[in-house]
């Protein structure tokens, strides 16, 4: 009886270990660095975790929404990966900064040039995107994750409000309210002005710093000169007093 209980406890512990050591139920997601304001530009990160313990992620494909097309997507270099931005013609041109744009980004593909995302790790893939739409609160990006064993996981299920998260949810980017400088011009000017101000402050500070040793040495020289005069005067006075004592004696 005792042996059977020990065996049962051992089996339960073993199953618990298997559950805990299994892959984490994470998924491909997207989030902005800071905010993604409607009508503006933003830097977003696609976070890709490796959910397998026997294969590496070697390819990530992100499809851009066609209902809210984006004219621009500039990738940041990611060591160990090459990236390709694919563009496609639009059925209906969109207006951007007063110009008609007839094509938009349709897909961005990252392909590993080395080991890829190994088991137990994740990788972020940054993109600068814009101009973000003003008539929606979120954007859905569908993603395909390919492993070194040729397995392809399709993160394409669109989450629905009020319902449980699907098994393979597509990455969703939340958009914030539009800001006054969402076109980027005034922000850029403000940044440039601030940078110029900082540069001037830095230059002035460097001048003050460079001048400090000279001022310090000048002050030191003056102090030494005064001390020398005082010592000299004291020496003369001492000599006079000594002479008088010898005369009186």
Protein backbone atom coordinates (compact mmCIF):
# COMPACT_ATOMS: atom_id res chain seq x y z
CA UNK A 1 0.00 0.00 0.00
CA UNK A 2 2.77 2.32 0.98
CA UNK A 3 4.71 1.46 -2.16
CA UNK A 4 1.68 2.18 -4.36
CA UNK A 5 1.24 5.59 -2.74
CA UNK A 6 4.88 6.43 -3.37
CA UNK A 7 4.50 5.35 -6.98
CA UNK A 8 1.39 7.52 -7.41
CA UNK A 9 3.12 10.55 -5.91
CA UNK A 10 6.12 9.93 -8.16
CA UNK A 11 3.93 9.75 -11.24
CA UNK A 12 2.14 12.98 -10.29
CA UNK A 13 5.44 14.75 -9.71
CA UNK A 14 6.73 13.48 -13.04
CA UNK A 15 3.70 14.80 -14.90
CA UNK A 16 4.07 18.16 -13.15
CA UNK A 17 7.67 18.38 -14.33
CA UNK A 18 6.58 17.63 -17.88
CA UNK A 19 3.96 20.38 -17.75
CA UNK A 20 6.35 22.93 -16.28
CA UNK A 21 9.10 22.11 -18.73
CA UNK A 22 6.84 22.38 -21.77
CA UNK A 23 6.97 25.39 -24.11
CA UNK A 24 5.55 28.66 -22.87
CA UNK A 25 2.29 29.63 -24.55
CA UNK A 26 3.62 32.91 -25.91
CA UNK A 27 2.86 34.23 -29.35
CA UNK A 28 4.11 36.70 -31.93
CA UNK A 29 3.11 40.21 -30.85
CA UNK A 30 3.62 43.85 -31.83
CA UNK A 31 4.01 46.93 -29.63
CA UNK A 32 5.07 50.51 -30.16
CA UNK A 33 8.08 52.15 -28.59
CA UNK A 34 6.24 54.88 -26.71
CA UNK A 35 2.97 55.59 -28.49
CA UNK A 36 1.54 54.96 -31.94
CA UNK A 37 -0.62 58.02 -32.55
CA UNK A 38 -3.23 58.06 -35.27
CA UNK A 39 -2.02 59.93 -38.34
CA UNK A 40 1.60 59.88 -37.21
CA UNK A 41 4.69 57.71 -37.42
CA UNK A 42 5.89 55.18 -34.89
CA UNK A 43 8.62 52.66 -34.21
CA UNK A 44 7.15 49.25 -33.50
CA UNK A 45 8.71 45.98 -32.38
CA UNK A 46 7.53 42.58 -33.52
CA UNK A 47 8.40 40.20 -30.68
CA UNK A 48 8.91 36.60 -31.80
CA UNK A 49 9.42 33.90 -29.15
CA UNK A 50 10.64 30.38 -29.91
CA UNK A 51 7.99 27.94 -28.71
CA UNK A 52 9.85 24.79 -29.65
CA UNK A 53 12.56 22.99 -27.70
CA UNK A 54 13.97 21.07 -30.67
CA UNK A 55 14.09 23.68 -33.46
CA UNK A 56 15.07 27.30 -34.12
CA UNK A 57 12.99 30.01 -35.75
CA UNK A 58 14.65 30.81 -39.07
CA UNK A 59 12.09 33.00 -40.84
CA UNK A 60 9.43 35.54 -39.88
CA UNK A 61 6.94 37.01 -42.37
CA UNK A 62 4.63 39.85 -41.38
CA UNK A 63 1.78 40.79 -43.71
CA UNK A 64 0.55 44.38 -43.53
CA UNK A 65 -3.18 45.21 -43.44
CA UNK A 66 -4.78 46.03 -46.76
CA UNK A 67 -7.74 47.88 -45.24
CA UNK A 68 -5.39 50.44 -43.68
CA UNK A 69 -2.30 50.46 -45.94
CA UNK A 70 1.00 51.95 -44.81
CA UNK A 71 3.19 53.74 -47.33
CA UNK A 72 6.39 53.42 -45.34
CA UNK A 73 8.19 50.72 -43.36
CA UNK A 74 11.87 51.15 -42.58
CA UNK A 75 13.51 48.20 -40.80
CA UNK A 76 16.31 48.46 -38.27
CA UNK A 77 19.27 46.20 -38.89
CA UNK A 78 19.11 43.07 -36.73
CA UNK A 79 22.38 41.12 -36.41
CA UNK A 80 22.10 37.61 -37.84
CA UNK A 81 19.08 38.45 -40.01
CA UNK A 82 18.47 39.83 -43.49
CA UNK A 83 15.27 41.74 -44.17
CA UNK A 84 13.15 42.36 -47.25
CA UNK A 85 10.35 44.91 -47.58
CA UNK A 86 7.76 44.00 -50.22
CA UNK A 87 5.50 46.64 -51.73
CA UNK A 88 2.32 46.23 -53.77
CA UNK A 89 0.06 48.40 -55.89
CA UNK A 90 -3.04 49.76 -54.20
CA UNK A 91 -6.52 49.31 -55.64
CA UNK A 92 -7.30 52.81 -54.39
CA UNK A 93 -4.53 55.42 -54.00
CA UNK A 94 -4.11 57.10 -50.62
CA UNK A 95 -3.11 60.68 -49.87
CA UNK A 96 0.07 61.30 -47.88
CA UNK A 97 1.39 64.81 -47.21
CA UNK A 98 -0.74 66.13 -50.06
CA UNK A 99 0.49 63.53 -52.55
CA UNK A 100 -1.28 60.54 -54.04
CA UNK A 101 0.41 57.23 -53.14
CA UNK A 102 -0.47 54.29 -55.37
CA UNK A 103 1.54 51.58 -53.57
CA UNK A 104 2.07 50.48 -49.99
CA UNK A 105 3.98 47.96 -47.91
CA UNK A 106 2.44 44.52 -48.25
CA UNK A 107 4.93 42.36 -46.34
CA UNK A 108 8.19 42.42 -44.41
CA UNK A 109 10.27 39.23 -44.24
CA UNK A 110 13.18 38.48 -41.92
CA UNK A 111 15.37 35.48 -42.75
CA UNK A 112 18.09 34.17 -40.45
CA UNK A 113 21.63 34.15 -41.77
CA UNK A 114 22.86 32.20 -38.76
CA UNK A 115 21.25 30.06 -36.07
CA UNK A 116 18.06 32.13 -35.87
CA UNK A 117 16.02 32.24 -32.67
CA UNK A 118 17.14 29.26 -30.63
CA UNK A 119 14.98 27.37 -28.10
CA UNK A 120 14.39 29.37 -24.94
CA UNK A 121 14.95 32.75 -26.62
CA UNK A 122 12.98 35.49 -28.35
CA UNK A 123 13.90 38.20 -30.85
CA UNK A 124 12.57 41.71 -31.48
CA UNK A 125 12.31 43.05 -35.02
CA UNK A 126 11.98 46.89 -35.07
CA UNK A 127 10.26 48.84 -37.83
CA UNK A 128 9.58 52.52 -38.34
CA UNK A 129 6.13 52.72 -39.91
CA UNK A 130 3.69 55.38 -41.08
CA UNK A 131 1.67 57.26 -41.79
CA UNK A 132 -0.71 55.51 -39.39
CA UNK A 133 -4.44 55.60 -40.20
CA UNK A 134 -6.75 58.01 -38.40
CA UNK A 135 -10.00 56.06 -38.75
CA UNK A 136 -9.27 53.00 -36.60
CA UNK A 137 -8.13 52.17 -33.07
CA UNK A 138 -5.96 49.20 -34.00
CA UNK A 139 -4.12 47.51 -36.84
CA UNK A 140 -3.90 43.76 -37.38
CA UNK A 141 -0.69 42.25 -38.77
CA UNK A 142 -0.76 38.56 -39.73
CA UNK A 143 2.50 36.66 -39.23
CA UNK A 144 4.06 33.36 -40.30
CA UNK A 145 6.80 31.80 -38.16
CA UNK A 146 9.00 29.18 -39.82
CA UNK A 147 11.20 26.77 -37.86
CA UNK A 148 14.38 24.96 -38.86
CA UNK A 149 12.42 21.68 -39.07
CA UNK A 150 10.22 23.28 -41.80
CA UNK A 151 7.26 23.70 -39.44
CA UNK A 152 5.23 26.86 -40.12
CA UNK A 153 3.08 28.44 -37.41
CA UNK A 154 0.42 30.80 -38.75
CA UNK A 155 -0.37 33.68 -36.39
CA UNK A 156 -3.36 34.89 -38.39
CA UNK A 157 -6.45 34.55 -36.22
CA UNK A 158 -8.01 37.96 -35.55
CA UNK A 159 -8.92 38.46 -31.87
CA UNK A 160 -12.56 39.43 -31.31
CA UNK A 161 -13.72 41.72 -28.52
CA UNK A 162 -15.63 39.92 -25.80
CA UNK A 163 -14.29 36.53 -26.84
CA UNK A 164 -11.43 34.38 -25.63
CA UNK A 165 -8.08 34.82 -27.30
CA UNK A 166 -7.70 32.46 -30.26
CA UNK A 167 -5.05 29.75 -30.26
CA UNK A 168 -2.94 31.53 -32.88
CA UNK A 169 -3.75 35.24 -32.54
CA UNK A 170 -2.47 37.74 -35.07
CA UNK A 171 -0.33 40.62 -33.72
CA UNK A 172 -2.48 43.70 -33.03
CA UNK A 173 -1.10 47.24 -32.75
CA UNK A 174 -3.14 49.61 -30.57
CA UNK A 175 -3.33 53.21 -31.79
CA UNK A 176 -3.60 56.23 -29.50
CA UNK A 177 -5.41 59.51 -30.13
CA UNK A 178 -3.92 61.79 -32.78
CA UNK A 179 -1.56 64.53 -31.61
CA UNK A 180 -1.27 68.06 -32.98
CA UNK A 181 2.08 67.36 -34.61
CA UNK A 182 1.17 63.94 -36.01
CA UNK A 183 2.56 64.79 -39.43
CA UNK A 184 5.97 64.99 -37.88
CA UNK A 185 7.02 68.43 -39.21
CA UNK A 186 6.64 70.45 -36.03
CA UNK A 187 8.05 67.60 -33.98
CA UNK A 188 11.11 67.43 -36.20
CA UNK A 189 11.55 71.19 -35.99
CA UNK A 190 11.17 71.07 -32.23
CA UNK A 191 13.67 68.25 -31.98
CA UNK A 192 16.09 70.12 -34.25
CA UNK A 193 15.69 73.28 -32.18
CA UNK A 194 16.23 71.35 -28.97
CA UNK A 195 19.28 69.60 -30.44
CA UNK A 196 20.71 72.97 -31.54
CA UNK A 197 20.11 74.39 -28.07
CA UNK A 198 21.76 71.39 -26.45
CA UNK A 199 24.70 71.72 -28.85
CA UNK A 200 25.13 75.38 -27.94
CA UNK A 201 24.91 74.59 -24.23
CA UNK A 202 27.45 71.82 -24.65
CA UNK A 203 29.78 74.12 -26.61
CA UNK A 204 29.48 76.84 -23.97
CA UNK A 205 30.07 74.33 -21.22
CA UNK A 206 33.14 73.01 -23.00
CA UNK A 207 34.48 76.54 -23.32
CA UNK A 208 33.95 77.14 -19.62
CA UNK A 209 35.59 73.84 -18.82
CA UNK A 210 38.54 74.63 -21.08
CA UNK A 211 38.90 78.08 -19.51
CA UNK A 212 38.77 76.78 -15.98
CA UNK A 213 42.40 75.57 -15.75
CA UNK A 214 43.66 78.93 -17.03
CA UNK A 215 41.56 80.86 -14.49
CA UNK A 216 42.66 78.51 -11.75
CA UNK A 217 46.37 78.87 -12.60
CA UNK A 218 46.02 82.66 -12.81
CA UNK A 219 44.45 82.77 -9.37
CA UNK A 220 47.17 80.50 -8.00
CA UNK A 221 49.86 82.77 -9.44
CA UNK A 222 48.30 85.81 -7.82
CA UNK A 223 48.07 84.09 -4.46
CA UNK A 224 51.72 83.01 -4.67
CA UNK A 225 52.74 86.54 -5.61
CA UNK A 226 50.93 88.02 -2.60
CA UNK A 227 52.43 85.38 -0.33
CA UNK A 228 55.89 86.19 -1.73
CA UNK A 229 55.41 89.87 -1.06
CA UNK A 230 54.24 89.19 2.49
CA UNK A 231 57.17 86.86 3.16
CA UNK A 232 59.61 89.39 1.70
CA UNK A 233 58.21 92.20 3.81
CA UNK A 234 58.41 90.01 6.89
CA UNK A 235 62.06 89.25 6.10
CA UNK A 236 62.93 92.93 5.73
CA UNK A 237 61.20 93.77 9.00
CA UNK A 238 63.04 90.99 10.76
CA UNK A 239 66.37 92.26 9.42
CA UNK A 240 65.67 95.80 10.62
CA UNK A 241 64.71 94.63 14.10
CA UNK A 242 67.81 92.41 14.35
CA UNK A 243 70.04 95.35 13.36
CA UNK A 244 68.50 97.57 16.02
CA UNK A 245 69.07 94.95 18.73
CA UNK A 246 72.75 94.66 17.84
CA UNK A 247 73.12 98.46 17.90
CA UNK A 248 71.40 98.74 21.28
CA UNK A 249 73.59 95.98 22.63
